[in-house]
C-alpha atoms as a PDB file:
ATOM      1  CA  MET A   1     -10.925  20.204  -6.404  1.00  0.00           C
ATOM      2  CA  LYS A   2     -13.107  18.710  -3.663  1.00  0.00           C
ATOM      3  CA  HIS A   3     -15.159  16.839  -6.277  1.00  0.00           C
ATOM      4  CA  LEU A   4     -12.119  15.306  -7.976  1.00  0.00           C
ATOM      5  CA  ARG A   5     -12.651  11.621  -8.761  1.00  0.00           C
ATOM      6  CA  TYR A   6      -9.750  10.747 -11.070  1.00  0.00           C
ATOM      7  CA  PHE A   7      -6.017  11.310 -10.515  1.00  0.00           C
ATOM      8  CA  SER A   8      -3.272  10.203 -12.907  1.00  0.00           C
ATOM      9  CA  PHE A   9       0.466  10.801 -12.720  1.00  0.00           C
ATOM     10  CA  CYS A  10       3.124   9.650 -15.180  1.00  0.00           C
ATOM     11  CA  TYR A  11       6.730  10.803 -15.345  1.00  0.00           C
ATOM     12  CA  PRO A  12       9.309   9.745 -17.962  1.00  0.00           C
ATOM     13  CA  HIS A  13      12.193   7.834 -16.443  1.00  0.00           C
ATOM     14  CA  ALA A  14      15.133   5.868 -17.767  1.00  0.00           C
ATOM     15  CA  GLY A  15      15.834   2.190 -17.203  1.00  0.00           C
ATOM     16  CA  GLY A  16      15.027   1.053 -13.690  1.00  0.00           C
ATOM     17  CA  SER A  17      14.974   4.529 -12.147  1.00  0.00           C
ATOM     18  CA  VAL A  18      12.255   5.453  -9.675  1.00  0.00           C
ATOM     19  CA  THR A  19      10.301   8.676  -9.278  1.00  0.00           C
ATOM     20  CA  ASN A  20       9.000   9.518  -5.807  1.00  0.00           C
ATOM     21  CA  LEU A  21       5.562  11.088  -5.645  1.00  0.00           C
ATOM     22  CA  ILE A  22       4.666  12.684  -2.308  1.00  0.00           C
ATOM     23  CA  LEU A  23       0.957  13.299  -1.959  1.00  0.00           C
ATOM     24  CA  PRO A  24       0.140  16.296   0.267  1.00  0.00           C
ATOM     25  CA  SER A  25      -1.966  15.791   3.375  1.00  0.00           C
ATOM     26  CA  THR A  26      -4.798  17.689   1.663  1.00  0.00           C
ATOM     27  CA  PHE A  27      -5.141  14.790  -0.776  1.00  0.00           C
ATOM     28  CA  SER A  28      -6.881  12.897   2.026  1.00  0.00           C
ATOM     29  CA  LYS A  29      -9.720  15.428   1.883  1.00  0.00           C
ATOM     30  CA  LEU A  30     -10.704  14.448  -1.659  1.00  0.00           C
ATOM     31  CA  TYR A  31     -13.511  12.267  -0.370  1.00  0.00           C
ATOM     32  CA  GLN A  32     -14.997  11.602  -3.831  1.00  0.00           C
ATOM     33  CA  MET A  33     -11.753  10.163  -5.206  1.00  0.00           C
ATOM     34  CA  GLN A  34     -12.404   6.886  -7.036  1.00  0.00           C
ATOM     35  CA  THR A  35      -9.506   6.301  -9.427  1.00  0.00           C
ATOM     36  CA  ILE A  36      -5.740   6.714  -9.161  1.00  0.00           C
ATOM     37  CA  SER A  37      -3.364   5.728 -11.952  1.00  0.00           C
ATOM     38  CA  LEU A  38       0.414   5.912 -11.548  1.00  0.00           C
ATOM     39  CA  CYS A  39       2.770   4.690 -14.243  1.00  0.00           C
ATOM     40  CA  THR A  40       5.542   2.162 -13.701  1.00  0.00           C
ATOM     41  CA  GLY A  41       8.476   3.608 -11.781  1.00  0.00           C
ATOM     42  CA  VAL A  42       6.428   6.010  -9.666  1.00  0.00           C
ATOM     43  CA  TYR A  43       6.622   5.233  -5.948  1.00  0.00           C
ATOM     44  CA  VAL A  44       3.957   7.016  -3.940  1.00  0.00           C
ATOM     45  CA  PHE A  45       4.177   8.347  -0.384  1.00  0.00           C
ATOM     46  CA  TYR A  46       1.010   9.299   1.476  1.00  0.00           C
ATOM     47  CA  SER A  47      -0.163  10.507   4.873  1.00  0.00           C
ATOM     48  CA  ASP A  48      -2.210   8.468   7.361  1.00  0.00           C
ATOM     49  CA  GLY A  49      -5.207  10.581   6.440  1.00  0.00           C
ATOM     50  CA  ILE A  50      -5.485   8.692   3.163  1.00  0.00           C
ATOM     51  CA  ALA A  51      -7.491   6.130   5.142  1.00  0.00           C
ATOM     52  CA  ASN A  52     -10.397   8.589   4.952  1.00  0.00           C
ATOM     53  CA  LEU A  53     -10.837   7.818   1.250  1.00  0.00           C
ATOM     54  CA  ILE A  54     -13.168   4.826   1.012  1.00  0.00           C
ATOM     55  CA  ARG A  55     -14.711   5.161  -2.458  1.00  0.00           C
ATOM     56  CA  TRP A  56     -11.911   3.567  -4.474  1.00  0.00           C
ATOM     57  CA  ARG A  57     -13.020   1.752  -7.606  1.00  0.00           C
ATOM     58  CA  HIS A  58      -9.865   1.583  -9.746  1.00  0.00           C
ATOM     59  CA  ILE A  59      -6.299   1.549  -8.442  1.00  0.00           C
ATOM     60  CA  ASN A  60      -3.416   1.137 -10.871  1.00  0.00           C
ATOM     61  CA  THR A  61      -0.040   1.658  -9.225  1.00  0.00           C
ATOM     62  CA  TRP A  62       3.469   0.249  -9.335  1.00  0.00           C
ATOM     63  CA  SER A  63       3.930   0.673  -5.578  1.00  0.00           C
ATOM     64  CA  TYR A  64       1.728  -0.589  -2.777  1.00  0.00           C
ATOM     65  CA  TRP A  65      -1.599   1.174  -2.497  1.00  0.00           C
ATOM     66  CA  PRO A  66      -3.601   1.766  -0.399  1.00  0.00           C
ATOM     67  CA  PRO A  67      -2.254   1.205   3.141  1.00  0.00           C
ATOM     68  CA  VAL A  68      -5.153  -1.136   3.868  1.00  0.00           C
ATOM     69  CA  GLY A  69      -3.899  -2.152   7.275  1.00  0.00           C
ATOM     70  CA  ARG A  70      -4.494   1.426   8.465  1.00  0.00           C
ATOM     71  CA  MET A  71      -7.866   1.916   6.795  1.00  0.00           C
ATOM     72  CA  LYS A  72     -10.410   1.633   9.584  1.00  0.00           C
ATOM     73  CA  SER A  73     -13.222   1.946   7.032  1.00  0.00           C
ATOM     74  CA  LEU A  74     -11.873  -0.719   4.724  1.00  0.00           C
ATOM     75  CA  GLN A  75     -14.640  -3.197   5.507  1.00  0.00           C
ATOM     76  CA  THR A  76     -17.151  -0.827   3.893  1.00  0.00           C
ATOM     77  CA  MET A  77     -15.259  -0.776   0.577  1.00  0.00           C
ATOM     78  CA  HIS A  78     -17.273  -3.551  -1.031  1.00  0.00           C
ATOM     79  CA  HIS A  79     -17.272  -1.759  -4.395  1.00  0.00           C
ATOM     80  CA  PHE A  80     -13.456  -1.892  -4.695  1.00  0.00           C
ATOM     81  CA  HIS A  81     -12.304  -3.838  -7.735  1.00  0.00           C
ATOM     82  CA  GLY A  82      -9.266  -4.408  -9.872  1.00  0.00           C
ATOM     83  CA  TYR A  83      -5.772  -5.103  -8.480  1.00  0.00           C
ATOM     84  CA  MET A  84      -5.045  -5.066  -4.753  1.00  0.00           C
ATOM     85  CA  ALA A  85      -1.649  -5.530  -3.083  1.00  0.00           C
ATOM     86  CA  LEU A  86      -1.394  -6.079   0.664  1.00  0.00           C
ATOM     87  CA  ARG A  87       1.520  -6.098   3.055  1.00  0.00           C
ATOM     88  CA  VAL A  88      -0.055  -8.962   4.893  1.00  0.00           C
ATOM     89  CA  LEU A  89       1.292  -8.426   8.391  1.00  0.00           C
ATOM     90  CA  GLU A  90      -0.094  -4.871   8.330  1.00  0.00           C
ATOM     91  CA  ALA A  91      -3.511  -5.758   6.936  1.00  0.00           C
ATOM     92  CA  LYS A  92      -4.230  -8.823   9.055  1.00  0.00           C
ATOM     93  CA  ARG A  93      -7.932  -9.561   9.402  1.00  0.00           C
ATOM     94  CA  GLU A  94      -9.039  -5.981   8.885  1.00  0.00           C
ATOM     95  CA  ALA A  95      -9.007  -6.450   5.126  1.00  0.00           C
ATOM     96  CA  HIS A  96     -12.226  -8.530   4.887  1.00  0.00           C
ATOM     97  CA  LEU A  97     -11.060  -9.658   1.462  1.00  0.00           C
ATOM     98  CA  ALA A  98     -13.956 -12.048   0.858  1.00  0.00           C
ATOM     99  CA  MET A  99     -16.246  -8.999   0.898  1.00  0.00           C
ATOM    100  CA  LYS A 100     -14.289  -7.247  -1.869  1.00  0.00           C
ATOM    101  CA  LYS A 101     -16.290  -9.072  -4.508  1.00  0.00           C
ATOM    102  CA  ARG A 102     -14.904  -7.108  -7.474  1.00  0.00           C
ATOM    103  CA  VAL A 103     -11.232  -7.644  -6.691  1.00  0.00           C
ATOM    104  CA  THR A 104      -9.871  -9.800  -9.518  1.00  0.00           C
ATOM    105  CA  GLU A 105      -6.096  -9.616  -8.829  1.00  0.00           C
ATOM    106  CA  LEU A 106      -4.475  -9.911  -5.418  1.00  0.00           C
ATOM    107  CA  LYS A 107      -0.904  -9.985  -4.112  1.00  0.00           C
ATOM    108  CA  LEU A 108      -0.236 -10.974  -0.500  1.00  0.00           C
ATOM    109  CA  THR A 109       3.282 -10.092   0.653  1.00  0.00           C
ATOM    110  CA  PHE A 110       4.934 -11.300   3.854  1.00  0.00           C
ATOM    111  CA  HIS A 111       8.733 -11.038   4.532  1.00  0.00           C
ATOM    112  CA  SER A 112       8.337  -8.996   7.737  1.00  0.00           C
ATOM    113  CA  THR A 113       8.057 -11.612  10.486  1.00  0.00           C
ATOM    114  CA  THR A 114       9.900 -14.587  11.950  1.00  0.00           C
ATOM    115  CA  ASP A 115       6.739 -16.046  13.478  1.00  0.00           C
ATOM    116  CA  PRO A 116       5.418 -18.883  11.247  1.00  0.00           C
ATOM    117  CA  GLU A 117       2.330 -19.419  13.407  1.00  0.00           C
ATOM    118  CA  LEU A 118       1.375 -15.765  13.098  1.00  0.00           C
ATOM    119  CA  GLU A 119       1.783 -15.887   9.321  1.00  0.00           C
ATOM    120  CA  ALA A 120      -0.440 -18.969   9.139  1.00  0.00           C
ATOM    121  CA  GLU A 121      -3.115 -17.333  11.287  1.00  0.00           C
ATOM    122  CA  VAL A 122      -3.104 -14.149   9.221  1.00  0.00           C
ATOM    123  CA  LEU A 123      -3.240 -15.931   5.854  1.00  0.00           C
ATOM    124  CA  GLU A 124      -6.096 -18.104   7.087  1.00  0.00           C
ATOM    125  CA  GLY A 125      -8.072 -14.943   7.840  1.00  0.00           C
ATOM    126  CA  LEU A 126      -7.373 -13.340   4.468  1.00  0.00           C
ATOM    127  CA  CYS A 127      -9.677 -15.471   2.344  1.00  0.00           C
ATOM    128  CA  PRO A 128      -9.971 -13.776  -1.087  1.00  0.00           C
ATOM    129  CA  PRO A 129     -13.319 -13.234  -2.830  1.00  0.00           C
ATOM    130  CA  LYS A 130     -14.913 -16.072  -4.785  1.00  0.00           C
ATOM    131  CA  ASP A 131     -14.392 -14.444  -8.183  1.00  0.00           C
ATOM    132  CA  LEU A 132     -10.670 -13.775  -7.759  1.00  0.00           C
ATOM    133  CA  GLN A 133      -8.757 -14.591 -10.956  1.00  0.00           C
ATOM    134  CA  GLU A 134      -5.102 -13.908 -10.083  1.00  0.00           C
ATOM    135  CA  LEU A 135      -3.314 -14.541  -6.773  1.00  0.00           C
ATOM    136  CA  THR A 136       0.347 -14.058  -5.802  1.00  0.00           C
ATOM    137  CA  ILE A 137       1.645 -15.244  -2.436  1.00  0.00           C
ATOM    138  CA  ASP A 138       5.035 -13.669  -1.753  1.00  0.00           C
ATOM    139  CA  GLY A 139       7.448 -14.623   1.046  1.00  0.00           C
ATOM    140  CA  TYR A 140       5.113 -16.931   2.964  1.00  0.00           C
ATOM    141  CA  ASN A 141       6.786 -19.067   5.648  1.00  0.00           C
ATOM    142  CA  GLY A 142       3.808 -20.051   7.775  1.00  0.00           C
ATOM    143  CA  THR A 143       3.216 -23.428   9.409  1.00  0.00           C
ATOM    144  CA  SER A 144       0.415 -24.404   7.005  1.00  0.00           C
ATOM    145  CA  TYR A 145      -1.531 -23.205   4.001  1.00  0.00           C
ATOM    146  CA  PRO A 146      -5.067 -21.920   4.691  1.00  0.00           C
ATOM    147  CA  ARG A 147      -8.220 -24.022   4.596  1.00  0.00           C
ATOM    148  CA  TRP A 148      -9.601 -21.879   1.782  1.00  0.00           C
ATOM    149  CA  MET A 149      -6.755 -23.173  -0.391  1.00  0.00           C
ATOM    150  CA  VAL A 150      -6.227 -26.807   0.622  1.00  0.00           C
ATOM    151  CA  THR A 151      -9.738 -27.981   1.605  1.00  0.00           C
ATOM    152  CA  ASN A 152     -13.262 -27.748   0.239  1.00  0.00           C
ATOM    153  CA  GLN A 153     -14.636 -26.761   3.617  1.00  0.00           C
ATOM    154  CA  HIS A 154     -14.492 -22.972   3.289  1.00  0.00           C
ATOM    155  CA  PRO A 155     -17.735 -21.503   1.872  1.00  0.00           C
ATOM    156  CA  ASP A 156     -16.078 -18.281   0.647  1.00  0.00           C
ATOM    157  CA  ALA A 157     -13.009 -19.784  -1.039  1.00  0.00           C
ATOM    158  CA  PRO A 158     -12.131 -18.570  -4.577  1.00  0.00           C
ATOM    159  CA  GLU A 159     -13.743 -20.658  -7.299  1.00  0.00           C
ATOM    160  CA  GLN A 160     -12.605 -18.857 -10.476  1.00  0.00           C
ATOM    161  CA  LEU A 161      -8.839 -18.627  -9.931  1.00  0.00           C
ATOM    162  CA  GLN A 162      -6.877 -18.759 -13.213  1.00  0.00           C
ATOM    163  CA  ASN A 163      -3.355 -17.563 -12.320  1.00  0.00           C
ATOM    164  CA  LEU A 164      -1.454 -18.572  -9.177  1.00  0.00           C
ATOM    165  CA  VAL A 165       2.093 -17.496  -8.241  1.00  0.00           C
ATOM    166  CA  PHE A 166       4.197 -18.703  -5.310  1.00  0.00           C
ATOM    167  CA  LEU A 167       7.155 -16.339  -4.840  1.00  0.00           C
ATOM    168  CA  TYR A 168       9.945 -16.784  -2.263  1.00  0.00           C
ATOM    169  CA  CYS A 169       7.745 -19.125  -0.225  1.00  0.00           C
ATOM    170  CA  GLY A 170       9.419 -21.371   2.321  1.00  0.00           C
ATOM    171  CA  LEU A 171       6.482 -23.660   3.047  1.00  0.00           C
ATOM    172  CA  GLN A 172       5.936 -26.401   0.516  1.00  0.00           C
ATOM    173  CA  LEU A 173       2.502 -27.072  -0.947  1.00  0.00           C
ATOM    174  CA  THR A 174       2.371 -30.850  -0.529  1.00  0.00           C
ATOM    175  CA  ASP A 175      -0.748 -31.934  -2.376  1.00  0.00           C
ATOM    176  CA  VAL A 176      -3.463 -30.886  -4.810  1.00  0.00           C
ATOM    177  CA  LEU A 177      -6.837 -31.723  -3.315  1.00  0.00           C
ATOM    178  CA  LYS A 178      -9.159 -33.924  -5.336  1.00  0.00           C
ATOM    179  CA  ASP A 179     -12.099 -31.960  -6.798  1.00  0.00           C
ATOM    180  CA  SER A 180     -10.652 -28.780  -5.290  1.00  0.00           C
ATOM    181  CA  LYS A 181     -12.749 -25.698  -6.049  1.00  0.00           C
ATOM    182  CA  PHE A 182      -9.677 -23.513  -5.555  1.00  0.00           C
ATOM    183  CA  PHE A 183      -7.686 -25.280  -8.318  1.00  0.00           C
ATOM    184  CA  THR A 184     -10.523 -26.308 -10.667  1.00  0.00           C
ATOM    185  CA  HIS A 185     -10.112 -23.462 -13.196  1.00  0.00           C
ATOM    186  CA  LEU A 186      -6.384 -22.818 -12.734  1.00  0.00           C
ATOM    187  CA  LEU A 187      -4.730 -22.093 -16.098  1.00  0.00           C
ATOM    188  CA  ASN A 188      -1.264 -20.837 -15.097  1.00  0.00           C
ATOM    189  CA  LEU A 189       0.932 -21.882 -12.171  1.00  0.00           C
ATOM    190  CA  THR A 190       4.276 -20.200 -11.410  1.00  0.00           C
ATOM    191  CA  ILE A 191       6.702 -21.274  -8.699  1.00  0.00           C
ATOM    192  CA  LYS A 192       9.622 -18.876  -8.362  1.00  0.00           C
ATOM    193  CA  CYS A 193      12.528 -18.854  -5.908  1.00  0.00           C
ATOM    194  CA  CYS A 194      10.746 -21.089  -3.408  1.00  0.00           C
ATOM    195  CA  LYS A 195      12.366 -23.414  -0.863  1.00  0.00           C
ATOM    196  CA  TRP A 196      10.601 -26.439  -2.290  1.00  0.00           C
ATOM    197  CA  ASP A 197      12.348 -29.773  -2.830  1.00  0.00           C
ATOM    198  CA  ARG A 198       9.560 -31.145  -5.027  1.00  0.00           C
ATOM    199  CA  LEU A 199       6.325 -30.218  -6.741  1.00  0.00           C
ATOM    200  CA  PRO A 200       3.006 -30.986  -5.026  1.00  0.00           C
ATOM    201  CA  GLU A 201       1.606 -34.498  -5.220  1.00  0.00           C
ATOM    202  CA  ASN A 202      -1.266 -35.201  -7.604  1.00  0.00           C
ATOM    203  CA  MET A 203      -0.423 -32.402 -10.024  1.00  0.00           C
ATOM    204  CA  GLU A 204      -2.483 -34.291 -12.627  1.00  0.00           C
ATOM    205  CA  ARG A 205      -5.587 -33.111 -10.771  1.00  0.00           C
ATOM    206  CA  LEU A 206      -5.032 -29.621 -12.189  1.00  0.00           C
ATOM    207  CA  VAL A 207      -7.233 -30.558 -15.107  1.00  0.00           C
ATOM    208  CA  SER A 208      -7.409 -27.025 -16.562  1.00  0.00           C
ATOM    209  CA  LEU A 209      -3.714 -26.150 -16.244  1.00  0.00           C
ATOM    210  CA  GLN A 210      -2.138 -24.924 -19.485  1.00  0.00           C
ATOM    211  CA  SER A 211       1.108 -23.288 -18.337  1.00  0.00           C
ATOM    212  CA  LEU A 212       3.574 -24.412 -15.649  1.00  0.00           C
ATOM    213  CA  ASN A 213       6.566 -22.166 -14.897  1.00  0.00           C
ATOM    214  CA  ILE A 214       9.285 -23.153 -12.444  1.00  0.00           C
ATOM    215  CA  PHE A 215      11.862 -20.386 -12.173  1.00  0.00           C
ATOM    216  CA  SER A 216      15.269 -20.479 -10.550  1.00  0.00           C
ATOM    217  CA  GLY A 217      14.631 -23.785  -8.902  1.00  0.00           C
ATOM    218  CA  VAL A 218      15.034 -21.577  -5.986  1.00  0.00           C
ATOM    219  CA  ASN A 219      18.004 -19.564  -7.213  1.00  0.00           C
ATOM    220  CA  ASN A 220      20.226 -19.374  -4.143  1.00  0.00           C
ATOM    221  CA  TYR A 221      17.152 -19.258  -1.909  1.00  0.00           C
ATOM    222  CA  GLY A 222      17.554 -22.961  -1.168  1.00  0.00           C
ATOM    223  CA  ALA A 223      18.618 -26.158  -2.895  1.00  0.00           C
ATOM    224  CA  ASN A 224      18.056 -26.273  -6.622  1.00  0.00           C
ATOM    225  CA  LYS A 225      17.224 -29.971  -6.886  1.00  0.00           C
ATOM    226  CA  MET A 226      13.667 -31.241  -6.774  1.00  0.00           C
ATOM    227  CA  GLY A 227      14.134 -34.854  -7.792  1.00  0.00           C
ATOM    228  CA  LEU A 228      11.698 -36.436 -10.223  1.00  0.00           C
ATOM    229  CA  LEU A 229       9.260 -34.470 -12.305  1.00  0.00           C
ATOM    230  CA  PRO A 230       5.842 -35.815 -11.221  1.00  0.00           C
ATOM    231  CA  ALA A 231       2.950 -36.722 -13.459  1.00  0.00           C
ATOM    232  CA  LEU A 232       1.534 -33.507 -14.886  1.00  0.00           C
ATOM    233  CA  PRO A 233      -1.946 -32.772 -16.257  1.00  0.00           C
ATOM    234  CA  GLN A 234      -2.470 -33.691 -19.905  1.00  0.00           C
ATOM    235  CA  SER A 235      -4.035 -30.277 -20.488  1.00  0.00           C
ATOM    236  CA  LEU A 236      -0.566 -28.662 -20.183  1.00  0.00           C
ATOM    237  CA  ARG A 237       0.527 -26.625 -23.231  1.00  0.00           C
ATOM    238  CA  GLU A 238       3.606 -24.791 -21.930  1.00  0.00           C
ATOM    239  CA  LEU A 239       6.339 -25.997 -19.572  1.00  0.00           C
ATOM    240  CA  ARG A 240       9.198 -23.724 -18.515  1.00  0.00           C
ATOM    241  CA  ILE A 241      11.977 -24.905 -16.220  1.00  0.00           C
ATOM    242  CA  SER A 242      14.777 -22.577 -15.092  1.00  0.00           C
ATOM    243  CA  SER A 243      17.742 -23.547 -12.850  1.00  0.00           C
ATOM    244  CA  TRP A 244      15.826 -26.546 -11.574  1.00  0.00           C
ATOM    245  CA  ASN A 245      17.831 -29.736 -11.901  1.00  0.00           C
ATOM    246  CA  CYS A 246      15.086 -32.330 -11.898  1.00  0.00           C
ATOM    247  CA  VAL A 247      14.871 -35.690 -13.618  1.00  0.00           C
ATOM    248  CA  LEU A 248      12.632 -35.143 -16.632  1.00  0.00           C
ATOM    249  CA  GLN A 249      10.008 -37.819 -16.980  1.00  0.00           C
ATOM    250  CA  ASN A 250       6.340 -38.283 -17.882  1.00  0.00           C
ATOM    251  CA  ILE A 251       6.631 -35.607 -20.581  1.00  0.00           C
ATOM    252  CA  GLU A 252       5.726 -37.962 -23.422  1.00  0.00           C
ATOM    253  CA  GLN A 253       2.254 -38.290 -21.909  1.00  0.00           C
ATOM    254  CA  LEU A 254       1.592 -34.556 -22.280  1.00  0.00           C
ATOM    255  CA  VAL A 255      -0.252 -34.873 -25.574  1.00  0.00           C
ATOM    256  CA  CYS A 256      -1.207 -31.166 -25.659  1.00  0.00           C
ATOM    257  CA  LEU A 257       2.260 -29.808 -24.891  1.00  0.00           C
ATOM    258  CA  GLN A 258       3.377 -27.304 -27.532  1.00  0.00           C
ATOM    259  CA  SER A 259       6.250 -25.419 -25.906  1.00  0.00           C
ATOM    260  CA  LEU A 260       9.110 -26.646 -23.720  1.00  0.00           C
ATOM    261  CA  GLU A 261      11.826 -24.375 -22.316  1.00  0.00           C
ATOM    262  CA  ILE A 262      14.770 -25.557 -20.231  1.00  0.00           C
ATOM    263  CA  GLN A 263      17.207 -22.926 -18.964  1.00  0.00           C
ATOM    264  CA  GLY A 264      20.223 -23.026 -16.679  1.00  0.00           C
ATOM    265  CA  CYS A 265      19.870 -26.725 -15.837  1.00  0.00           C
ATOM    266  CA  ASP A 266      23.483 -27.923 -16.031  1.00  0.00           C
ATOM    267  CA  GLU A 267      22.846 -31.262 -14.337  1.00  0.00           C
ATOM    268  CA  ILE A 268      20.155 -32.420 -16.767  1.00  0.00           C
ATOM    269  CA  GLU A 269      21.970 -34.671 -19.226  1.00  0.00           C
ATOM    270  CA  HIS A 270      19.247 -36.637 -20.981  1.00  0.00           C
ATOM    271  CA  LEU A 271      16.007 -35.625 -22.615  1.00  0.00           C
ATOM    272  CA  PRO A 272      13.064 -37.995 -22.245  1.00  0.00           C
ATOM    273  CA  LYS A 273      10.972 -39.054 -25.201  1.00  0.00           C
ATOM    274  CA  LEU A 274       9.077 -35.926 -26.193  1.00  0.00           C
ATOM    275  CA  PRO A 275       5.454 -35.719 -27.361  1.00  0.00           C
ATOM    276  CA  LEU A 276       4.677 -35.305 -31.062  1.00  0.00           C
ATOM    277  CA  SER A 277       2.531 -32.283 -30.205  1.00  0.00           C
ATOM    278  CA  LEU A 278       5.612 -30.135 -29.436  1.00  0.00           C
ATOM    279  CA  LYS A 279       5.986 -27.179 -31.795  1.00  0.00           C
ATOM    280  CA  GLU A 280       8.962 -25.505 -30.151  1.00  0.00           C
ATOM    281  CA  ILE A 281      11.762 -26.344 -27.760  1.00  0.00           C
ATOM    282  CA  CYS A 282      14.147 -23.826 -26.230  1.00  0.00           C
ATOM    283  CA  ILE A 283      17.321 -24.910 -24.420  1.00  0.00           C
ATOM    284  CA  ILE A 284      19.378 -22.093 -22.899  1.00  0.00           C
ATOM    285  CA  ASP A 285      22.609 -22.221 -20.872  1.00  0.00           C
ATOM    286  CA  CYS A 286      22.429 -25.947 -20.134  1.00  0.00           C
ATOM    287  CA  ASP A 287      26.012 -27.256 -20.422  1.00  0.00           C
ATOM    288  CA  VAL A 288      25.257 -30.841 -21.419  1.00  0.00           C
ATOM    289  CA  LEU A 289      21.976 -30.374 -23.291  1.00  0.00           C
ATOM    290  CA  CYS A 290      23.267 -27.463 -25.380  1.00  0.00           C
ATOM    291  CA  ARG A 291      26.141 -29.595 -26.562  1.00  0.00           C
ATOM    292  CA  THR A 292      24.404 -32.935 -27.086  1.00  0.00           C
ATOM    293  CA  CYS A 293      21.302 -31.512 -28.787  1.00  0.00           C
ATOM    294  CA  GLN A 294      23.600 -30.250 -31.556  1.00  0.00           C
ATOM    295  CA  ASP A 295      25.532 -33.487 -31.862  1.00  0.00           C
ATOM    296  CA  GLU A 296      23.996 -35.601 -34.627  1.00  0.00           C
ATOM    297  CA  GLU A 297      25.446 -38.731 -33.058  1.00  0.00           C
ATOM    298  CA  HIS A 298      23.741 -38.189 -29.721  1.00  0.00           C
ATOM    299  CA  GLN A 299      20.303 -39.466 -28.753  1.00  0.00           C
ATOM    300  CA  ASN A 300      19.287 -36.005 -27.475  1.00  0.00           C
ATOM    301  CA  TRP A 301      19.724 -34.660 -31.032  1.00  0.00           C
ATOM    302  CA  ARG A 302      17.492 -37.407 -32.430  1.00  0.00           C
ATOM    303  CA  LYS A 303      14.792 -36.769 -29.814  1.00  0.00           C
ATOM    304  CA  ILE A 304      14.194 -33.209 -30.954  1.00  0.00           C
ATOM    305  CA  GLN A 305      14.206 -33.687 -34.733  1.00  0.00           C
ATOM    306  CA  HIS A 306      10.407 -33.881 -35.012  1.00  0.00           C
ATOM    307  CA  ILE A 307      10.022 -30.417 -33.404  1.00  0.00           C
ATOM    308  CA  PRO A 308       9.579 -27.600 -35.984  1.00  0.00           C
ATOM    309  CA  GLY A 309      10.969 -24.798 -33.849  1.00  0.00           C
ATOM    310  CA  LYS A 310      14.294 -25.354 -32.084  1.00  0.00           C
ATOM    311  CA  MET A 311      16.441 -22.804 -30.244  1.00  0.00           C
ATOM    312  CA  ILE A 312      19.629 -23.921 -28.520  1.00  0.00           C
ATOM    313  CA  MET A 313      21.686 -21.208 -26.954  1.00  0.00           C
ATOM    314  CA  SER A 314      24.638 -21.144 -24.580  1.00  0.00           C
ATOM    315  CA  GLY A 315      26.224 -18.207 -22.808  1.00  0.00           C
ATOM    316  CA  CYS A 316      28.520 -17.665 -25.786  1.00  0.00           C
ATOM    317  CA  GLY A 317      25.758 -17.797 -28.376  1.00  0.00           C
ATOM    318  CA  THR A 318      23.922 -20.409 -30.429  1.00  0.00           C
END
C-alpha cells in the first residue's frame, strides 16, 4: 500500500444525501499519493497528518480538499493542477497560488470573519496563477478588490481567465479597467446573491464576454433592484436575469445576442426593442411580462414575434 498513487471512492446515494468518508490517520503515510477522486455527495474527513502528502496532481472532490492552510509544505507543490478550493481565512498567504502554475480552476471562500480589512489583505496575497481559467469568489466582504484583479500593475495576475463567479459578495465591483489583462479573455460572468445595487461601469470593455448571468438579484441577501442595465459588450450571446428588477435597456445593440432569459422579475413591465439576432426568449414567473407577452394587443407581444423560440411560463404553467 505504501506505493499507492491513486484513490477513488464512490457510494450510491439518493437525492441530496451525503456520505461521510473518514480517512484513517495511516492515509497520511501514503507519501506517493497523487490522485484522489470522490464522487458527488461524499464529504471527506481527514487528520492533520494529511499535510505530509505533497505530491498531489489530480484532486476531484465534492468537499474541500486539501486543508491547504495547514500544509506547511504547500509552497513546494508547484506540480499541483486541476481544481483547487480554499477556505481563504485558513490558507492566507501560505498558499502561494501564483506558483501553482497548473491550477486551472479555483474557488476562494470567505464567510468566516467580520474583519473587512483582513479579508482584503488576504485576498490581495492570494494572486492566482497566470493560466487560471475559472475563478469563484464566495462570500467576500473586504474593503477593496485586489490589485491583481482591478489594475494592470501586478506581474503575476491571471491573463487567461474565461469564467468568473461572484457569489454572496458584499463588496461591489465598481469598474472594468480599460485594457485589463484580467478581463481580456473572459467568456462567462456570473453574479449570484451579491449585495450589489448595480453592475460595474464600463461593462462594454469585456470584449470577449459571451454569457452574462445575474441570479437572484441578491435573493434576500440585499435589495433586489439594480437600476438601469448598463451598456453591455456586443460580443454577448446569452443574457440571464433572475429576480433582478432592473430597467432593461441597450439590449437592441447586442447584435450577437441569441438567448435571453428573464425569471422572477415581477417589477419589469416593458420589454425594450430586441435585436434581430435573438433565437430564443424565456420568460418565467414574471407577473406582468408573462401576461402581456401573450396578449396580442400589447406591445410586449409584438416585440417578441420575430424570435423563433419563445417560452413563457408562470407558476401555474404556460
